All heavy atoms as atom14 arrays in JSON, in Angstrom:
{
  "sequence": "AADRGRRLDHIWGSAAMAERTRGVSVLKEARGWPGPSDHVPVTLEF",
  "atom14_mask": [
    [1, 1, 1, 1, 1, 0, 0, 0, 0, 0, 0, 0, 0, 0],
    [1, 1, 1, 1, 1, 0, 0, 0, 0, 0, 0, 0, 0, 0],
    [1, 1, 1, 1, 1, 1, 1, 1, 0, 0, 0, 0, 0, 0],
    [1, 1, 1, 1, 1, 1, 1, 1, 1, 1, 1, 0, 0, 0],
    [1, 1, 1, 1, 0, 0, 0, 0, 0, 0, 0, 0, 0, 0],
    [1, 1, 1, 1, 1, 1, 1, 1, 1, 1, 1, 0, 0, 0],
    [1, 1, 1, 1, 1, 1, 1, 1, 1, 1, 1, 0, 0, 0],
    [1, 1, 1, 1, 1, 1, 1, 1, 0, 0, 0, 0, 0, 0],
    [1, 1, 1, 1, 1, 1, 1, 1, 0, 0, 0, 0, 0, 0],
    [1, 1, 1, 1, 1, 1, 1, 1, 1, 1, 0, 0, 0, 0],
    [1, 1, 1, 1, 1, 1, 1, 1, 0, 0, 0, 0, 0, 0],
    [1, 1, 1, 1, 1, 1, 1, 1, 1, 1, 1, 1, 1, 1],
    [1, 1, 1, 1, 0, 0, 0, 0, 0, 0, 0, 0, 0, 0],
    [1, 1, 1, 1, 1, 1, 0, 0, 0, 0, 0, 0, 0, 0],
    [1, 1, 1, 1, 1, 0, 0, 0, 0, 0, 0, 0, 0, 0],
    [1, 1, 1, 1, 1, 0, 0, 0, 0, 0, 0, 0, 0, 0],
    [1, 1, 1, 1, 1, 1, 1, 1, 0, 0, 0, 0, 0, 0],
    [1, 1, 1, 1, 1, 0, 0, 0, 0, 0, 0, 0, 0, 0],
    [1, 1, 1, 1, 1, 1, 1, 1, 1, 0, 0, 0, 0, 0],
    [1, 1, 1, 1, 1, 1, 1, 1, 1, 1, 1, 0, 0, 0],
    [1, 1, 1, 1, 1, 1, 1, 0, 0, 0, 0, 0, 0, 0],
    [1, 1, 1, 1, 1, 1, 1, 1, 1, 1, 1, 0, 0, 0],
    [1, 1, 1, 1, 0, 0, 0, 0, 0, 0, 0, 0, 0, 0],
    [1, 1, 1, 1, 1, 1, 1, 0, 0, 0, 0, 0, 0, 0],
    [1, 1, 1, 1, 1, 1, 0, 0, 0, 0, 0, 0, 0, 0],
    [1, 1, 1, 1, 1, 1, 1, 0, 0, 0, 0, 0, 0, 0],
    [1, 1, 1, 1, 1, 1, 1, 1, 0, 0, 0, 0, 0, 0],
    [1, 1, 1, 1, 1, 1, 1, 1, 1, 0, 0, 0, 0, 0],
    [1, 1, 1, 1, 1, 1, 1, 1, 1, 0, 0, 0, 0, 0],
    [1, 1, 1, 1, 1, 0, 0, 0, 0, 0, 0, 0, 0, 0],
    [1, 1, 1, 1, 1, 1, 1, 1, 1, 1, 1, 0, 0, 0],
    [1, 1, 1, 1, 0, 0, 0, 0, 0, 0, 0, 0, 0, 0],
    [1, 1, 1, 1, 1, 1, 1, 1, 1, 1, 1, 1, 1, 1],
    [1, 1, 1, 1, 1, 1, 1, 0, 0, 0, 0, 0, 0, 0],
    [1, 1, 1, 1, 0, 0, 0, 0, 0, 0, 0, 0, 0, 0],
    [1, 1, 1, 1, 1, 1, 1, 0, 0, 0, 0, 0, 0, 0],
    [1, 1, 1, 1, 1, 1, 0, 0, 0, 0, 0, 0, 0, 0],
    [1, 1, 1, 1, 1, 1, 1, 1, 0, 0, 0, 0, 0, 0],
    [1, 1, 1, 1, 1, 1, 1, 1, 1, 1, 0, 0, 0, 0],
    [1, 1, 1, 1, 1, 1, 1, 0, 0, 0, 0, 0, 0, 0],
    [1, 1, 1, 1, 1, 1, 1, 0, 0, 0, 0, 0, 0, 0],
    [1, 1, 1, 1, 1, 1, 1, 0, 0, 0, 0, 0, 0, 0],
    [1, 1, 1, 1, 1, 1, 1, 0, 0, 0, 0, 0, 0, 0],
    [1, 1, 1, 1, 1, 1, 1, 1, 0, 0, 0, 0, 0, 0],
    [1, 1, 1, 1, 1, 1, 1, 1, 1, 0, 0, 0, 0, 0],
    [1, 1, 1, 1, 1, 1, 1, 1, 1, 1, 1, 0, 0, 0]
  ],
  "atom14_positions": [
    [[-17.82, 98.72, 124.33], [-17.53, 97.31, 124.62], [-18.74, 96.6, 125.21], [-19.06, 95.48, 124.84], [-16.33, 97.21, 125.56], [0.0, 0.0, 0.0], [0.0, 0.0, 0.0], [0.0, 0.0, 0.0], [0.0, 0.0, 0.0], [0.0, 0.0, 0.0], [0.0, 0.0, 0.0], [0.0, 0.0, 0.0], [0.0, 0.0, 0.0], [0.0, 0.0, 0.0]],
    [[-19.42, 97.28, 126.12], [-20.6, 96.68, 126.76], [-21.78, 96.63, 125.8], [-22.52, 95.65, 125.76], [-20.96, 97.47, 128.01], [0.0, 0.0, 0.0], [0.0, 0.0, 0.0], [0.0, 0.0, 0.0], [0.0, 0.0, 0.0], [0.0, 0.0, 0.0], [0.0, 0.0, 0.0], [0.0, 0.0, 0.0], [0.0, 0.0, 0.0], [0.0, 0.0, 0.0]],
    [[-21.94, 97.69, 125.02], [-23.01, 97.81, 124.02], [-24.39, 97.51, 124.62], [-25.22, 96.85, 124.0], [-22.74, 96.9, 122.83], [-23.53, 97.33, 121.59], [-23.89, 98.52, 121.5], [-23.78, 96.48, 120.71], [0.0, 0.0, 0.0], [0.0, 0.0, 0.0], [0.0, 0.0, 0.0], [0.0, 0.0, 0.0], [0.0, 0.0, 0.0], [0.0, 0.0, 0.0]],
    [[-24.62, 98.06, 125.8], [-25.91, 97.87, 126.46], [-26.83, 99.05, 126.12], [-27.08, 99.93, 126.94], [-25.72, 97.72, 127.96], [-24.96, 96.46, 128.34], [-24.95, 96.24, 129.83], [-24.41, 94.93, 130.17], [-24.47, 94.38, 131.38], [-25.01, 95.04, 132.39], [-23.95, 93.18, 131.59], [0.0, 0.0, 0.0], [0.0, 0.0, 0.0], [0.0, 0.0, 0.0]],
    [[-27.31, 99.05, 124.91], [-28.09, 100.18, 124.42], [-29.58, 99.94, 124.4], [-30.07, 98.85, 124.71], [0.0, 0.0, 0.0], [0.0, 0.0, 0.0], [0.0, 0.0, 0.0], [0.0, 0.0, 0.0], [0.0, 0.0, 0.0], [0.0, 0.0, 0.0], [0.0, 0.0, 0.0], [0.0, 0.0, 0.0], [0.0, 0.0, 0.0], [0.0, 0.0, 0.0]],
    [[-30.3, 101.0, 124.05], [-31.75, 100.94, 123.88], [-32.14, 101.85, 122.72], [-31.5, 102.88, 122.48], [-32.49, 101.41, 125.14], [-32.06, 100.7, 126.42], [-32.73, 101.3, 127.64], [-31.95, 101.04, 128.84], [-32.24, 101.51, 130.05], [-33.31, 102.28, 130.22], [-31.48, 101.25, 131.08], [0.0, 0.0, 0.0], [0.0, 0.0, 0.0], [0.0, 0.0, 0.0]],
    [[-33.2, 101.51, 122.01], [-33.71, 102.36, 120.94], [-34.83, 103.22, 121.52], [-35.99, 102.82, 121.58], [-34.22, 101.54, 119.75], [-34.7, 102.42, 118.57], [-35.03, 101.61, 117.34], [-36.27, 100.85, 117.46], [-37.41, 101.12, 116.8], [-37.45, 102.15, 115.98], [-38.47, 100.35, 116.95], [0.0, 0.0, 0.0], [0.0, 0.0, 0.0], [0.0, 0.0, 0.0]],
    [[-34.46, 104.42, 121.91], [-35.42, 105.35, 122.52], [-35.87, 106.43, 121.54], [-36.85, 107.12, 121.8], [-34.79, 106.02, 123.75], [-34.27, 105.08, 124.84], [-33.68, 105.91, 125.99], [-35.35, 104.15, 125.35], [0.0, 0.0, 0.0], [0.0, 0.0, 0.0], [0.0, 0.0, 0.0], [0.0, 0.0, 0.0], [0.0, 0.0, 0.0], [0.0, 0.0, 0.0]],
    [[-35.15, 106.59, 120.44], [-35.38, 107.68, 119.5], [-36.04, 107.12, 118.24], [-35.54, 106.17, 117.64], [-34.06, 108.37, 119.17], [-33.37, 108.83, 120.44], [-33.62, 109.96, 120.86], [-32.59, 108.03, 121.02], [0.0, 0.0, 0.0], [0.0, 0.0, 0.0], [0.0, 0.0, 0.0], [0.0, 0.0, 0.0], [0.0, 0.0, 0.0], [0.0, 0.0, 0.0]],
    [[-37.13, 107.74, 117.83], [-37.99, 107.14, 116.81], [-38.38, 108.13, 115.73], [-38.42, 109.35, 115.96], [-39.26, 106.59, 117.46], [-39.0, 105.55, 118.5], [-39.03, 104.2, 118.22], [-38.7, 105.65, 119.82], [-38.76, 103.51, 119.33], [-38.57, 104.38, 120.32], [0.0, 0.0, 0.0], [0.0, 0.0, 0.0], [0.0, 0.0, 0.0], [0.0, 0.0, 0.0]],
    [[-38.69, 107.59, 114.56], [-39.29, 108.35, 113.48], [-40.49, 107.55, 112.98], [-40.33, 106.46, 112.42], [-38.31, 108.61, 112.31], [-37.09, 109.4, 112.81], [-39.01, 109.35, 111.19], [-36.05, 109.64, 111.72], [0.0, 0.0, 0.0], [0.0, 0.0, 0.0], [0.0, 0.0, 0.0], [0.0, 0.0, 0.0], [0.0, 0.0, 0.0], [0.0, 0.0, 0.0]],
    [[-41.68, 108.08, 113.26], [-42.91, 107.47, 112.79], [-43.5, 108.34, 111.68], [-43.21, 109.55, 111.61], [-43.94, 107.37, 113.92], [-43.62, 106.36, 114.98], [-42.54, 105.53, 115.04], [-44.39, 106.09, 116.15], [-42.59, 104.75, 116.16], [-43.72, 105.07, 116.87], [-45.58, 106.61, 116.66], [-44.22, 104.57, 118.07], [-46.07, 106.11, 117.85], [-45.39, 105.09, 118.55]],
    [[-44.32, 107.76, 110.83], [-44.92, 108.53, 109.77], [-46.31, 108.06, 109.4], [-46.75, 106.97, 109.78], [0.0, 0.0, 0.0], [0.0, 0.0, 0.0], [0.0, 0.0, 0.0], [0.0, 0.0, 0.0], [0.0, 0.0, 0.0], [0.0, 0.0, 0.0], [0.0, 0.0, 0.0], [0.0, 0.0, 0.0], [0.0, 0.0, 0.0], [0.0, 0.0, 0.0]],
    [[-47.0, 108.9, 108.65], [-48.29, 108.54, 108.09], [-48.09, 107.49, 107.0], [-46.96, 107.22, 106.58], [-48.96, 109.79, 107.51], [-48.13, 110.35, 106.49], [0.0, 0.0, 0.0], [0.0, 0.0, 0.0], [0.0, 0.0, 0.0], [0.0, 0.0, 0.0], [0.0, 0.0, 0.0], [0.0, 0.0, 0.0], [0.0, 0.0, 0.0], [0.0, 0.0, 0.0]],
    [[-49.19, 106.92, 106.54], [-49.1, 105.93, 105.46], [-48.44, 106.52, 104.22], [-47.68, 105.85, 103.52], [-50.49, 105.4, 105.14], [0.0, 0.0, 0.0], [0.0, 0.0, 0.0], [0.0, 0.0, 0.0], [0.0, 0.0, 0.0], [0.0, 0.0, 0.0], [0.0, 0.0, 0.0], [0.0, 0.0, 0.0], [0.0, 0.0, 0.0], [0.0, 0.0, 0.0]],
    [[-48.73, 107.78, 103.94], [-48.13, 108.44, 102.78], [-46.62, 108.54, 102.92], [-45.88, 108.34, 101.95], [-48.74, 109.82, 102.58], [0.0, 0.0, 0.0], [0.0, 0.0, 0.0], [0.0, 0.0, 0.0], [0.0, 0.0, 0.0], [0.0, 0.0, 0.0], [0.0, 0.0, 0.0], [0.0, 0.0, 0.0], [0.0, 0.0, 0.0], [0.0, 0.0, 0.0]],
    [[-46.15, 108.84, 104.14], [-44.7, 108.94, 104.35], [-44.04, 107.57, 104.3], [-42.87, 107.45, 103.91], [-44.41, 109.62, 105.67], [-44.48, 111.13, 105.59], [-43.34, 111.86, 104.37], [-41.77, 111.55, 105.18], [0.0, 0.0, 0.0], [0.0, 0.0, 0.0], [0.0, 0.0, 0.0], [0.0, 0.0, 0.0], [0.0, 0.0, 0.0], [0.0, 0.0, 0.0]],
    [[-44.76, 106.55, 104.67], [-44.21, 105.19, 104.57], [-43.9, 104.86, 103.11], [-42.89, 104.22, 102.8], [-45.2, 104.18, 105.15], [0.0, 0.0, 0.0], [0.0, 0.0, 0.0], [0.0, 0.0, 0.0], [0.0, 0.0, 0.0], [0.0, 0.0, 0.0], [0.0, 0.0, 0.0], [0.0, 0.0, 0.0], [0.0, 0.0, 0.0], [0.0, 0.0, 0.0]],
    [[-44.76, 105.33, 102.21], [-44.53, 105.09, 100.78], [-43.36, 105.91, 100.25], [-42.71, 105.52, 99.29], [-45.8, 105.4, 100.0], [-46.96, 104.48, 100.31], [-46.61, 103.02, 100.08], [-46.02, 102.71, 99.03], [-46.92, 102.18, 100.96], [0.0, 0.0, 0.0], [0.0, 0.0, 0.0], [0.0, 0.0, 0.0], [0.0, 0.0, 0.0], [0.0, 0.0, 0.0]],
    [[-43.09, 107.04, 100.88], [-42.0, 107.91, 100.44], [-40.64, 107.51, 101.03], [-39.6, 108.0, 100.59], [-42.28, 109.36, 100.84], [-43.38, 110.05, 100.04], [-43.66, 111.43, 100.61], [-44.62, 112.18, 99.81], [-44.28, 113.19, 98.99], [-43.02, 113.54, 98.87], [-45.21, 113.83, 98.31], [0.0, 0.0, 0.0], [0.0, 0.0, 0.0], [0.0, 0.0, 0.0]],
    [[-40.65, 106.65, 102.05], [-39.41, 106.3, 102.75], [-38.44, 105.55, 101.84], [-38.82, 104.61, 101.16], [-39.73, 105.45, 103.99], [-40.48, 106.25, 104.92], [-38.46, 104.96, 104.68], [0.0, 0.0, 0.0], [0.0, 0.0, 0.0], [0.0, 0.0, 0.0], [0.0, 0.0, 0.0], [0.0, 0.0, 0.0], [0.0, 0.0, 0.0], [0.0, 0.0, 0.0]],
    [[-37.17, 105.97, 101.87], [-36.15, 105.37, 101.02], [-34.98, 104.78, 101.81], [-34.23, 103.95, 101.29], [-35.63, 106.4, 100.02], [-36.69, 106.92, 99.04], [-37.14, 105.81, 98.12], [-38.21, 106.24, 97.22], [-39.5, 106.07, 97.46], [-39.9, 105.46, 98.58], [-40.41, 106.48, 96.59], [0.0, 0.0, 0.0], [0.0, 0.0, 0.0], [0.0, 0.0, 0.0]],
    [[-34.79, 105.21, 103.06], [-33.67, 104.67, 103.83], [-33.66, 105.21, 105.25], [-34.32, 106.2, 105.56], [0.0, 0.0, 0.0], [0.0, 0.0, 0.0], [0.0, 0.0, 0.0], [0.0, 0.0, 0.0], [0.0, 0.0, 0.0], [0.0, 0.0, 0.0], [0.0, 0.0, 0.0], [0.0, 0.0, 0.0], [0.0, 0.0, 0.0], [0.0, 0.0, 0.0]],
    [[-32.9, 104.53, 106.1], [-32.78, 104.9, 107.51], [-31.34, 104.68, 107.95], [-30.7, 103.71, 107.5], [-33.73, 104.05, 108.4], [-33.36, 104.16, 109.86], [-35.18, 104.48, 108.2], [0.0, 0.0, 0.0], [0.0, 0.0, 0.0], [0.0, 0.0, 0.0], [0.0, 0.0, 0.0], [0.0, 0.0, 0.0], [0.0, 0.0, 0.0], [0.0, 0.0, 0.0]],
    [[-30.83, 105.54, 108.81], [-29.5, 105.32, 109.39], [-29.47, 105.77, 110.84], [-30.17, 106.72, 111.22], [-28.42, 106.06, 108.59], [-28.65, 107.45, 108.6], [0.0, 0.0, 0.0], [0.0, 0.0, 0.0], [0.0, 0.0, 0.0], [0.0, 0.0, 0.0], [0.0, 0.0, 0.0], [0.0, 0.0, 0.0], [0.0, 0.0, 0.0], [0.0, 0.0, 0.0]],
    [[-28.68, 105.07, 111.65], [-28.47, 105.42, 113.05], [-26.97, 105.63, 113.22], [-26.19, 104.7, 113.02], [-28.97, 104.3, 113.99], [-28.74, 104.68, 115.45], [-30.45, 104.02, 113.74], [0.0, 0.0, 0.0], [0.0, 0.0, 0.0], [0.0, 0.0, 0.0], [0.0, 0.0, 0.0], [0.0, 0.0, 0.0], [0.0, 0.0, 0.0], [0.0, 0.0, 0.0]],
    [[-26.55, 106.83, 113.57], [-25.13, 107.17, 113.59], [-24.52, 106.79, 114.94], [-24.24, 107.64, 115.79], [-24.92, 108.66, 113.31], [-23.48, 109.09, 113.02], [-22.95, 108.45, 111.74], [-23.4, 110.61, 112.94], [0.0, 0.0, 0.0], [0.0, 0.0, 0.0], [0.0, 0.0, 0.0], [0.0, 0.0, 0.0], [0.0, 0.0, 0.0], [0.0, 0.0, 0.0]],
    [[-24.27, 105.5, 115.11], [-23.76, 105.0, 116.39], [-22.44, 105.64, 116.79], [-22.18, 105.89, 117.96], [-23.59, 103.47, 116.3], [-23.09, 102.83, 117.59], [-23.01, 101.32, 117.45], [-22.5, 100.68, 118.74], [-22.45, 99.19, 118.62], [0.0, 0.0, 0.0], [0.0, 0.0, 0.0], [0.0, 0.0, 0.0], [0.0, 0.0, 0.0], [0.0, 0.0, 0.0]],
    [[-21.58, 105.94, 115.79], [-20.26, 106.47, 116.12], [-20.32, 107.82, 116.81], [-19.37, 108.23, 117.49], [-19.38, 106.57, 114.87], [-20.0, 107.3, 113.71], [-20.66, 106.37, 112.71], [-21.31, 105.4, 113.14], [-20.51, 106.63, 111.5], [0.0, 0.0, 0.0], [0.0, 0.0, 0.0], [0.0, 0.0, 0.0], [0.0, 0.0, 0.0], [0.0, 0.0, 0.0]],
    [[-21.45, 108.54, 116.7], [-21.57, 109.84, 117.37], [-21.53, 109.7, 118.89], [-21.18, 110.65, 119.59], [-22.86, 110.53, 116.94], [0.0, 0.0, 0.0], [0.0, 0.0, 0.0], [0.0, 0.0, 0.0], [0.0, 0.0, 0.0], [0.0, 0.0, 0.0], [0.0, 0.0, 0.0], [0.0, 0.0, 0.0], [0.0, 0.0, 0.0], [0.0, 0.0, 0.0]],
    [[-21.86, 108.52, 119.38], [-21.79, 108.29, 120.85], [-20.34, 108.32, 121.33], [-20.08, 108.59, 122.52], [-22.45, 106.95, 121.2], [-22.49, 106.63, 122.68], [-23.27, 107.64, 123.49], [-23.32, 107.26, 124.89], [-22.36, 107.49, 125.78], [-21.24, 108.09, 125.4], [-22.5, 107.11, 127.04], [0.0, 0.0, 0.0], [0.0, 0.0, 0.0], [0.0, 0.0, 0.0]],
    [[-19.4, 108.1, 120.42], [-17.98, 108.12, 120.78], [-17.28, 109.43, 120.48], [-16.07, 109.56, 120.7], [0.0, 0.0, 0.0], [0.0, 0.0, 0.0], [0.0, 0.0, 0.0], [0.0, 0.0, 0.0], [0.0, 0.0, 0.0], [0.0, 0.0, 0.0], [0.0, 0.0, 0.0], [0.0, 0.0, 0.0], [0.0, 0.0, 0.0], [0.0, 0.0, 0.0]],
    [[-18.01, 110.44, 119.99], [-17.4, 111.74, 119.75], [-17.06, 112.41, 121.08], [-17.65, 112.08, 122.13], [-18.36, 112.62, 118.96], [-18.55, 112.19, 117.53], [-17.87, 111.2, 116.88], [-19.49, 112.71, 116.59], [-18.33, 111.08, 115.58], [-19.31, 111.99, 115.36], [-20.45, 113.7, 116.63], [-20.07, 112.26, 114.23], [-21.21, 113.98, 115.5], [-21.02, 113.26, 114.32]],
    [[-16.14, 113.36, 121.1], [-15.76, 114.02, 122.36], [-16.94, 114.75, 123.0], [-17.68, 115.47, 122.32], [-14.69, 115.03, 121.91], [-14.15, 114.48, 120.64], [-15.31, 113.8, 119.97], [0.0, 0.0, 0.0], [0.0, 0.0, 0.0], [0.0, 0.0, 0.0], [0.0, 0.0, 0.0], [0.0, 0.0, 0.0], [0.0, 0.0, 0.0], [0.0, 0.0, 0.0]],
    [[-17.15, 114.54, 124.29], [-18.24, 115.18, 125.01], [-19.6, 114.89, 124.44], [-20.39, 115.82, 124.19], [0.0, 0.0, 0.0], [0.0, 0.0, 0.0], [0.0, 0.0, 0.0], [0.0, 0.0, 0.0], [0.0, 0.0, 0.0], [0.0, 0.0, 0.0], [0.0, 0.0, 0.0], [0.0, 0.0, 0.0], [0.0, 0.0, 0.0], [0.0, 0.0, 0.0]],
    [[-19.95, 113.62, 124.23], [-21.16, 113.28, 123.48], [-22.45, 113.42, 124.28], [-22.45, 113.46, 125.52], [-20.92, 111.81, 123.13], [-20.18, 111.29, 124.33], [-19.26, 112.42, 124.73], [0.0, 0.0, 0.0], [0.0, 0.0, 0.0], [0.0, 0.0, 0.0], [0.0, 0.0, 0.0], [0.0, 0.0, 0.0], [0.0, 0.0, 0.0], [0.0, 0.0, 0.0]],
    [[-23.55, 113.45, 123.56], [-24.85, 113.16, 124.15], [-24.89, 111.65, 124.39], [-24.12, 110.89, 123.79], [-25.97, 113.56, 123.2], [-27.22, 113.07, 123.65], [0.0, 0.0, 0.0], [0.0, 0.0, 0.0], [0.0, 0.0, 0.0], [0.0, 0.0, 0.0], [0.0, 0.0, 0.0], [0.0, 0.0, 0.0], [0.0, 0.0, 0.0], [0.0, 0.0, 0.0]],
    [[-25.79, 111.21, 125.26], [-25.96, 109.76, 125.44], [-26.87, 109.18, 124.36], [-27.04, 107.97, 124.27], [-26.48, 109.41, 126.85], [-27.61, 110.29, 127.33], [-28.01, 111.23, 126.6], [-28.1, 110.07, 128.45], [0.0, 0.0, 0.0], [0.0, 0.0, 0.0], [0.0, 0.0, 0.0], [0.0, 0.0, 0.0], [0.0, 0.0, 0.0], [0.0, 0.0, 0.0]],
    [[-27.45, 110.05, 123.53], [-28.24, 109.62, 122.37], [-27.44, 109.88, 121.09], [-26.54, 110.73, 121.08], [-29.54, 110.42, 122.27], [-30.49, 110.21, 123.39], [-31.65, 109.46, 123.27], [-30.48, 110.67, 124.67], [-32.31, 109.47, 124.42], [-31.61, 110.19, 125.28], [0.0, 0.0, 0.0], [0.0, 0.0, 0.0], [0.0, 0.0, 0.0], [0.0, 0.0, 0.0]],
    [[-27.81, 109.19, 120.01], [-27.19, 109.45, 118.7], [-28.29, 109.81, 117.71], [-29.47, 109.51, 117.92], [-26.39, 108.24, 118.2], [-25.25, 107.9, 119.17], [-27.28, 107.02, 117.96], [0.0, 0.0, 0.0], [0.0, 0.0, 0.0], [0.0, 0.0, 0.0], [0.0, 0.0, 0.0], [0.0, 0.0, 0.0], [0.0, 0.0, 0.0], [0.0, 0.0, 0.0]],
    [[-27.92, 110.45, 116.6], [-28.92, 110.85, 115.61], [-29.5, 109.67, 114.84], [-28.79, 108.72, 114.5], [-28.14, 111.78, 114.67], [-26.85, 112.08, 115.35], [-26.58, 110.92, 116.25], [0.0, 0.0, 0.0], [0.0, 0.0, 0.0], [0.0, 0.0, 0.0], [0.0, 0.0, 0.0], [0.0, 0.0, 0.0], [0.0, 0.0, 0.0], [0.0, 0.0, 0.0]],
    [[-30.78, 109.77, 114.55], [-31.48, 108.83, 113.68], [-31.97, 109.63, 112.47], [-32.58, 110.68, 112.63], [-32.66, 108.16, 114.4], [-33.39, 107.2, 113.47], [-32.2, 107.45, 115.67], [0.0, 0.0, 0.0], [0.0, 0.0, 0.0], [0.0, 0.0, 0.0], [0.0, 0.0, 0.0], [0.0, 0.0, 0.0], [0.0, 0.0, 0.0], [0.0, 0.0, 0.0]],
    [[-31.7, 109.11, 111.26], [-32.01, 109.85, 110.05], [-32.87, 109.03, 109.11], [-32.61, 107.83, 108.9], [-30.71, 110.27, 109.33], [-29.95, 111.12, 110.19], [-31.0, 111.01, 108.03], [0.0, 0.0, 0.0], [0.0, 0.0, 0.0], [0.0, 0.0, 0.0], [0.0, 0.0, 0.0], [0.0, 0.0, 0.0], [0.0, 0.0, 0.0], [0.0, 0.0, 0.0]],
    [[-33.88, 109.67, 108.54], [-34.75, 109.06, 107.55], [-34.54, 109.77, 106.21], [-34.55, 111.0, 106.14], [-36.21, 109.21, 107.96], [-37.25, 108.73, 106.95], [-37.37, 107.22, 107.0], [-38.61, 109.38, 107.2], [0.0, 0.0, 0.0], [0.0, 0.0, 0.0], [0.0, 0.0, 0.0], [0.0, 0.0, 0.0], [0.0, 0.0, 0.0], [0.0, 0.0, 0.0]],
    [[-34.36, 108.98, 105.15], [-34.31, 109.53, 103.81], [-35.68, 109.26, 103.15], [-36.2, 108.15, 103.23], [-33.2, 108.87, 102.98], [-31.81, 109.2, 103.46], [-30.73, 108.68, 102.53], [-31.09, 108.14, 101.46], [-29.55, 108.82, 102.86], [0.0, 0.0, 0.0], [0.0, 0.0, 0.0], [0.0, 0.0, 0.0], [0.0, 0.0, 0.0], [0.0, 0.0, 0.0]],
    [[-36.23, 110.29, 102.53], [-37.54, 110.13, 101.91], [-37.64, 110.93, 100.62], [-36.88, 111.89, 100.4], [-38.64, 110.54, 102.88], [-38.65, 112.01, 103.24], [-39.51, 112.9, 102.59], [-37.82, 112.5, 104.24], [-39.54, 114.24, 102.93], [-37.84, 113.85, 104.58], [-38.7, 114.72, 103.92], [0.0, 0.0, 0.0], [0.0, 0.0, 0.0], [0.0, 0.0, 0.0]]
  ]
}
């Protein structure tokens, strides 16, 4: 409800990986799973 978040988790890449990048997702719902971490997964498709 408060949604007072921060983007602390990152995926950086070389110029070559930037060309290979196809998508990104941040699984916000994982923060609501039972007994969660305070962070959620960040995924890069390449």
